[in-house]
Amino acid sequence: MAFNRTTILLELVRLAAEDRIYREVLSAISDGIRAAERRLDDAAGRGDEEWLEVVTDEECDLLENLLGAAYVVCQTQITAVTARALALRKRRLQDGKAFTAFGEGKADV
């Protein structure tokens, strides 16, 4: 397969979109969420309302932090794919080729 600039840029977009690292990070966050769920279930099973309230407060704080981390991971991935896609568009237009998949702004991607 011959590699020209467009092919290389398309490959970079594909690699950014399929990045396994962010999936592994999200999987670890998911494991943390499931562990919090188990701790909540265990606390609920004790039948001690005061203990359940304490555990619920702690686990809710943890869950909020885990969801915030997941948001940042996803936003980073979106930014990487968007930047690569915009670079592809720019190169195609600089080479005098048509590009109609999306416009010039991040929101267009």
N, C-alpha and C. Protein backbone atom coordinates (compact mmCIF):
# COMPACT_ATOMS: atom_id res chain seq x y z
N MET A 1 0.84 -1.17 0.00
CA MET A 1 0.00 0.00 0.00
C MET A 1 0.89 1.24 0.00
N ALA A 2 0.65 2.11 -0.92
CA ALA A 2 1.40 3.36 -0.99
C ALA A 2 0.83 4.34 0.02
N PHE A 3 1.73 4.99 0.73
CA PHE A 3 1.30 5.96 1.73
C PHE A 3 1.55 7.37 1.22
N ASN A 4 0.46 8.10 1.05
CA ASN A 4 0.59 9.52 0.76
C ASN A 4 0.15 10.28 2.01
N ARG A 5 0.21 11.57 1.98
CA ARG A 5 -0.12 12.35 3.17
C ARG A 5 -1.54 12.10 3.64
N THR A 6 -2.47 12.00 2.72
CA THR A 6 -3.86 11.78 3.11
C THR A 6 -4.03 10.41 3.77
N THR A 7 -3.40 9.39 3.23
CA THR A 7 -3.50 8.06 3.81
C THR A 7 -2.91 8.04 5.22
N ILE A 8 -1.79 8.70 5.39
CA ILE A 8 -1.16 8.76 6.71
C ILE A 8 -2.07 9.49 7.69
N LEU A 9 -2.64 10.61 7.28
CA LEU A 9 -3.53 11.36 8.17
C LEU A 9 -4.79 10.57 8.50
N LEU A 10 -5.31 9.85 7.52
CA LEU A 10 -6.48 9.00 7.79
C LEU A 10 -6.12 7.91 8.81
N GLU A 11 -4.95 7.36 8.68
CA GLU A 11 -4.50 6.34 9.62
C GLU A 11 -4.35 6.93 11.04
N LEU A 12 -3.86 8.15 11.13
CA LEU A 12 -3.74 8.81 12.43
C LEU A 12 -5.11 9.05 13.06
N VAL A 13 -6.09 9.41 12.25
CA VAL A 13 -7.46 9.58 12.76
C VAL A 13 -7.97 8.24 13.28
N ARG A 14 -7.76 7.19 12.50
CA ARG A 14 -8.21 5.85 12.92
C ARG A 14 -7.55 5.43 14.22
N LEU A 15 -6.25 5.64 14.32
CA LEU A 15 -5.54 5.26 15.54
C LEU A 15 -6.03 6.04 16.75
N ALA A 16 -6.29 7.32 16.56
CA ALA A 16 -6.81 8.14 17.67
C ALA A 16 -8.18 7.64 18.11
N ALA A 17 -9.01 7.29 17.14
CA ALA A 17 -10.37 6.84 17.46
C ALA A 17 -10.37 5.46 18.13
N GLU A 18 -9.40 4.63 17.81
CA GLU A 18 -9.37 3.27 18.34
C GLU A 18 -8.39 3.11 19.50
N ASP A 19 -7.88 4.19 20.04
CA ASP A 19 -6.87 4.15 21.09
C ASP A 19 -7.31 3.24 22.23
N ARG A 20 -6.55 2.20 22.48
CA ARG A 20 -6.90 1.23 23.52
C ARG A 20 -6.62 1.74 24.92
N ILE A 21 -5.73 2.70 25.07
CA ILE A 21 -5.37 3.20 26.39
C ILE A 21 -6.59 3.80 27.09
N TYR A 22 -7.33 4.65 26.37
CA TYR A 22 -8.48 5.27 27.03
C TYR A 22 -9.52 4.22 27.40
N ARG A 23 -9.64 3.18 26.60
CA ARG A 23 -10.59 2.10 26.93
C ARG A 23 -10.15 1.37 28.20
N GLU A 24 -8.85 1.17 28.35
CA GLU A 24 -8.34 0.51 29.55
C GLU A 24 -8.57 1.37 30.78
N VAL A 25 -8.38 2.67 30.65
CA VAL A 25 -8.62 3.58 31.78
C VAL A 25 -10.11 3.56 32.14
N LEU A 26 -10.98 3.61 31.15
CA LEU A 26 -12.42 3.56 31.43
C LEU A 26 -12.81 2.23 32.06
N SER A 27 -12.16 1.17 31.66
CA SER A 27 -12.43 -0.14 32.25
C SER A 27 -12.04 -0.15 33.73
N ALA A 28 -10.90 0.46 34.07
CA ALA A 28 -10.48 0.54 35.47
C ALA A 28 -11.47 1.38 36.28
N ILE A 29 -11.93 2.47 35.69
CA ILE A 29 -12.93 3.30 36.37
C ILE A 29 -14.22 2.51 36.58
N SER A 30 -14.60 1.74 35.58
CA SER A 30 -15.79 0.90 35.69
C SER A 30 -15.64 -0.12 36.82
N ASP A 31 -14.44 -0.68 36.96
CA ASP A 31 -14.19 -1.62 38.07
C ASP A 31 -14.39 -0.92 39.41
N GLY A 32 -13.93 0.31 39.52
CA GLY A 32 -14.11 1.08 40.75
C GLY A 32 -15.57 1.35 41.05
N ILE A 33 -16.33 1.62 40.02
CA ILE A 33 -17.77 1.86 40.19
C ILE A 33 -18.46 0.59 40.67
N ARG A 34 -18.11 -0.54 40.08
CA ARG A 34 -18.70 -1.81 40.51
C ARG A 34 -18.32 -2.15 41.97
N ALA A 35 -17.09 -1.84 42.35
CA ALA A 35 -16.66 -2.08 43.73
C ALA A 35 -17.47 -1.21 44.70
N ALA A 36 -17.72 0.04 44.33
CA ALA A 36 -18.54 0.92 45.16
C ALA A 36 -19.95 0.36 45.30
N GLU A 37 -20.47 -0.16 44.21
CA GLU A 37 -21.81 -0.76 44.24
C GLU A 37 -21.85 -1.94 45.22
N ARG A 38 -20.81 -2.77 45.20
CA ARG A 38 -20.75 -3.91 46.12
C ARG A 38 -20.70 -3.44 47.58
N ARG A 39 -19.91 -2.39 47.84
CA ARG A 39 -19.83 -1.87 49.20
C ARG A 39 -21.18 -1.32 49.66
N LEU A 40 -21.89 -0.66 48.76
CA LEU A 40 -23.22 -0.16 49.10
C LEU A 40 -24.18 -1.31 49.39
N ASP A 41 -24.12 -2.34 48.55
CA ASP A 41 -25.00 -3.50 48.77
C ASP A 41 -24.68 -4.17 50.11
N ASP A 42 -23.39 -4.30 50.44
CA ASP A 42 -23.00 -4.91 51.71
C ASP A 42 -23.51 -4.09 52.88
N ALA A 43 -23.38 -2.76 52.79
CA ALA A 43 -23.85 -1.89 53.87
C ALA A 43 -25.36 -1.99 54.02
N ALA A 44 -26.06 -2.05 52.90
CA ALA A 44 -27.52 -2.16 52.95
C ALA A 44 -27.94 -3.49 53.57
N GLY A 45 -27.16 -4.53 53.33
CA GLY A 45 -27.48 -5.85 53.86
C GLY A 45 -27.30 -5.98 55.36
N ARG A 46 -26.59 -5.07 55.97
CA ARG A 46 -26.37 -5.12 57.43
C ARG A 46 -27.62 -4.73 58.22
N GLY A 47 -28.47 -3.95 57.60
CA GLY A 47 -29.68 -3.51 58.30
C GLY A 47 -29.45 -2.37 59.27
N ASP A 48 -28.28 -1.75 59.24
CA ASP A 48 -27.94 -0.64 60.12
C ASP A 48 -28.04 0.65 59.31
N GLU A 49 -29.11 1.41 59.54
CA GLU A 49 -29.38 2.61 58.74
C GLU A 49 -28.29 3.67 58.89
N GLU A 50 -27.74 3.80 60.10
CA GLU A 50 -26.69 4.80 60.32
C GLU A 50 -25.43 4.44 59.52
N TRP A 51 -25.08 3.15 59.57
CA TRP A 51 -23.91 2.69 58.80
C TRP A 51 -24.15 2.87 57.30
N LEU A 52 -25.33 2.54 56.85
CA LEU A 52 -25.67 2.69 55.44
C LEU A 52 -25.54 4.14 55.01
N GLU A 53 -25.96 5.08 55.85
CA GLU A 53 -25.86 6.49 55.51
C GLU A 53 -24.40 6.93 55.38
N VAL A 54 -23.56 6.48 56.30
CA VAL A 54 -22.13 6.82 56.26
C VAL A 54 -21.50 6.26 54.98
N VAL A 55 -21.74 4.99 54.72
CA VAL A 55 -21.17 4.35 53.53
C VAL A 55 -21.70 5.00 52.26
N THR A 56 -22.98 5.32 52.23
CA THR A 56 -23.58 5.96 51.05
C THR A 56 -22.93 7.30 50.77
N ASP A 57 -22.71 8.09 51.81
CA ASP A 57 -22.05 9.39 51.62
C ASP A 57 -20.65 9.21 51.03
N GLU A 58 -19.89 8.30 51.59
CA GLU A 58 -18.52 8.07 51.12
C GLU A 58 -18.51 7.54 49.69
N GLU A 59 -19.36 6.59 49.41
CA GLU A 59 -19.38 5.98 48.07
C GLU A 59 -19.89 6.96 47.02
N CYS A 60 -20.84 7.81 47.39
CA CYS A 60 -21.32 8.83 46.44
C CYS A 60 -20.20 9.81 46.09
N ASP A 61 -19.42 10.21 47.09
CA ASP A 61 -18.27 11.08 46.81
C ASP A 61 -17.29 10.39 45.86
N LEU A 62 -17.01 9.13 46.13
CA LEU A 62 -16.10 8.37 45.27
C LEU A 62 -16.66 8.27 43.85
N LEU A 63 -17.94 7.95 43.74
CA LEU A 63 -18.57 7.80 42.42
C LEU A 63 -18.52 9.11 41.63
N GLU A 64 -18.76 10.22 42.30
CA GLU A 64 -18.68 11.52 41.62
C GLU A 64 -17.27 11.75 41.07
N ASN A 65 -16.26 11.40 41.86
CA ASN A 65 -14.88 11.56 41.40
C ASN A 65 -14.56 10.63 40.24
N LEU A 66 -15.03 9.39 40.32
CA LEU A 66 -14.78 8.45 39.23
C LEU A 66 -15.47 8.90 37.94
N LEU A 67 -16.69 9.39 38.06
CA LEU A 67 -17.39 9.88 36.87
C LEU A 67 -16.71 11.12 36.30
N GLY A 68 -16.20 11.97 37.16
CA GLY A 68 -15.44 13.13 36.69
C GLY A 68 -14.19 12.71 35.93
N ALA A 69 -13.50 11.72 36.46
CA ALA A 69 -12.30 11.21 35.78
C ALA A 69 -12.68 10.61 34.42
N ALA A 70 -13.77 9.87 34.36
CA ALA A 70 -14.22 9.29 33.10
C ALA A 70 -14.54 10.38 32.08
N TYR A 71 -15.15 11.46 32.54
CA TYR A 71 -15.47 12.58 31.66
C TYR A 71 -14.20 13.16 31.06
N VAL A 72 -13.18 13.37 31.91
CA VAL A 72 -11.92 13.93 31.43
C VAL A 72 -11.26 12.99 30.41
N VAL A 73 -11.28 11.70 30.68
CA VAL A 73 -10.70 10.72 29.75
C VAL A 73 -11.41 10.80 28.40
N CYS A 74 -12.73 10.83 28.43
CA CYS A 74 -13.51 10.90 27.18
C CYS A 74 -13.26 12.22 26.45
N GLN A 75 -13.22 13.31 27.19
CA GLN A 75 -12.98 14.61 26.56
C GLN A 75 -11.61 14.65 25.89
N THR A 76 -10.61 14.06 26.53
CA THR A 76 -9.27 13.99 25.95
C THR A 76 -9.30 13.19 24.66
N GLN A 77 -10.03 12.10 24.66
CA GLN A 77 -10.13 11.27 23.45
C GLN A 77 -10.83 12.02 22.33
N ILE A 78 -11.90 12.71 22.65
CA ILE A 78 -12.64 13.50 21.65
C ILE A 78 -11.73 14.57 21.07
N THR A 79 -10.96 15.23 21.92
CA THR A 79 -10.05 16.27 21.46
C THR A 79 -8.99 15.70 20.52
N ALA A 80 -8.45 14.54 20.84
CA ALA A 80 -7.43 13.92 19.99
C ALA A 80 -7.99 13.57 18.61
N VAL A 81 -9.16 12.98 18.58
CA VAL A 81 -9.76 12.60 17.29
C VAL A 81 -10.10 13.86 16.49
N THR A 82 -10.66 14.86 17.15
CA THR A 82 -11.01 16.10 16.47
C THR A 82 -9.79 16.77 15.86
N ALA A 83 -8.72 16.85 16.63
CA ALA A 83 -7.50 17.49 16.12
C ALA A 83 -6.95 16.76 14.91
N ARG A 84 -6.96 15.45 14.95
CA ARG A 84 -6.46 14.67 13.81
C ARG A 84 -7.36 14.83 12.59
N ALA A 85 -8.66 14.86 12.82
CA ALA A 85 -9.60 15.03 11.71
C ALA A 85 -9.44 16.40 11.07
N LEU A 86 -9.26 17.43 11.89
CA LEU A 86 -9.07 18.78 11.34
C LEU A 86 -7.75 18.89 10.59
N ALA A 87 -6.73 18.18 11.06
CA ALA A 87 -5.44 18.17 10.34
C ALA A 87 -5.60 17.51 8.98
N LEU A 88 -6.37 16.45 8.92
CA LEU A 88 -6.65 15.78 7.65
C LEU A 88 -7.36 16.73 6.70
N ARG A 89 -8.39 17.39 7.18
CA ARG A 89 -9.14 18.34 6.34
C ARG A 89 -8.22 19.43 5.80
N LYS A 90 -7.41 19.99 6.68
CA LYS A 90 -6.50 21.07 6.30
C LYS A 90 -5.52 20.60 5.21
N ARG A 91 -4.95 19.43 5.39
CA ARG A 91 -3.99 18.90 4.41
C ARG A 91 -4.66 18.67 3.06
N ARG A 92 -5.83 18.09 3.07
CA ARG A 92 -6.55 17.84 1.81
C ARG A 92 -6.79 19.16 1.07
N LEU A 93 -7.24 20.17 1.78
CA LEU A 93 -7.50 21.45 1.14
C LEU A 93 -6.21 22.11 0.66
N GLN A 94 -5.12 22.00 1.42
CA GLN A 94 -3.83 22.55 1.00
C GLN A 94 -3.33 21.86 -0.27
N ASP A 95 -3.67 20.59 -0.41
CA ASP A 95 -3.28 19.83 -1.60
C ASP A 95 -4.21 20.08 -2.78
N GLY A 96 -5.18 20.96 -2.60
CA GLY A 96 -6.12 21.29 -3.68
C GLY A 96 -7.18 20.23 -3.90
N LYS A 97 -7.41 19.39 -2.92
CA LYS A 97 -8.41 18.32 -3.03
C LYS A 97 -9.69 18.74 -2.33
N ALA A 98 -10.78 18.14 -2.75
CA ALA A 98 -12.07 18.43 -2.14
C ALA A 98 -12.16 17.75 -0.77
N PHE A 99 -12.91 18.39 0.13
CA PHE A 99 -13.18 17.79 1.43
C PHE A 99 -14.55 18.26 1.87
N THR A 100 -15.50 17.33 1.92
CA THR A 100 -16.87 17.70 2.24
C THR A 100 -17.43 16.97 3.46
N ALA A 101 -16.59 16.20 4.16
CA ALA A 101 -17.09 15.41 5.29
C ALA A 101 -17.56 16.30 6.44
N PHE A 102 -16.86 17.41 6.68
CA PHE A 102 -17.24 18.33 7.73
C PHE A 102 -16.53 19.66 7.48
N GLY A 103 -17.00 20.69 8.17
CA GLY A 103 -16.44 22.04 8.00
C GLY A 103 -15.15 22.24 8.77
N GLU A 104 -14.79 23.51 8.94
CA GLU A 104 -13.47 23.82 9.49
C GLU A 104 -13.42 23.91 11.01
N GLY A 105 -14.51 23.88 11.70
CA GLY A 105 -14.49 24.05 13.14
C GLY A 105 -14.61 22.73 13.91
N LYS A 106 -14.23 22.80 15.18
CA LYS A 106 -14.32 21.62 16.03
C LYS A 106 -15.74 21.09 16.12
N ALA A 107 -16.68 22.01 16.21
CA ALA A 107 -18.09 21.60 16.30
C ALA A 107 -18.55 20.86 15.05
N ASP A 108 -17.94 21.19 13.91
CA ASP A 108 -18.29 20.53 12.65
C ASP A 108 -17.87 19.06 12.65
N VAL A 109 -16.74 18.79 13.28
CA VAL A 109 -16.23 17.42 13.33
C VAL A 109 -17.18 16.59 14.18
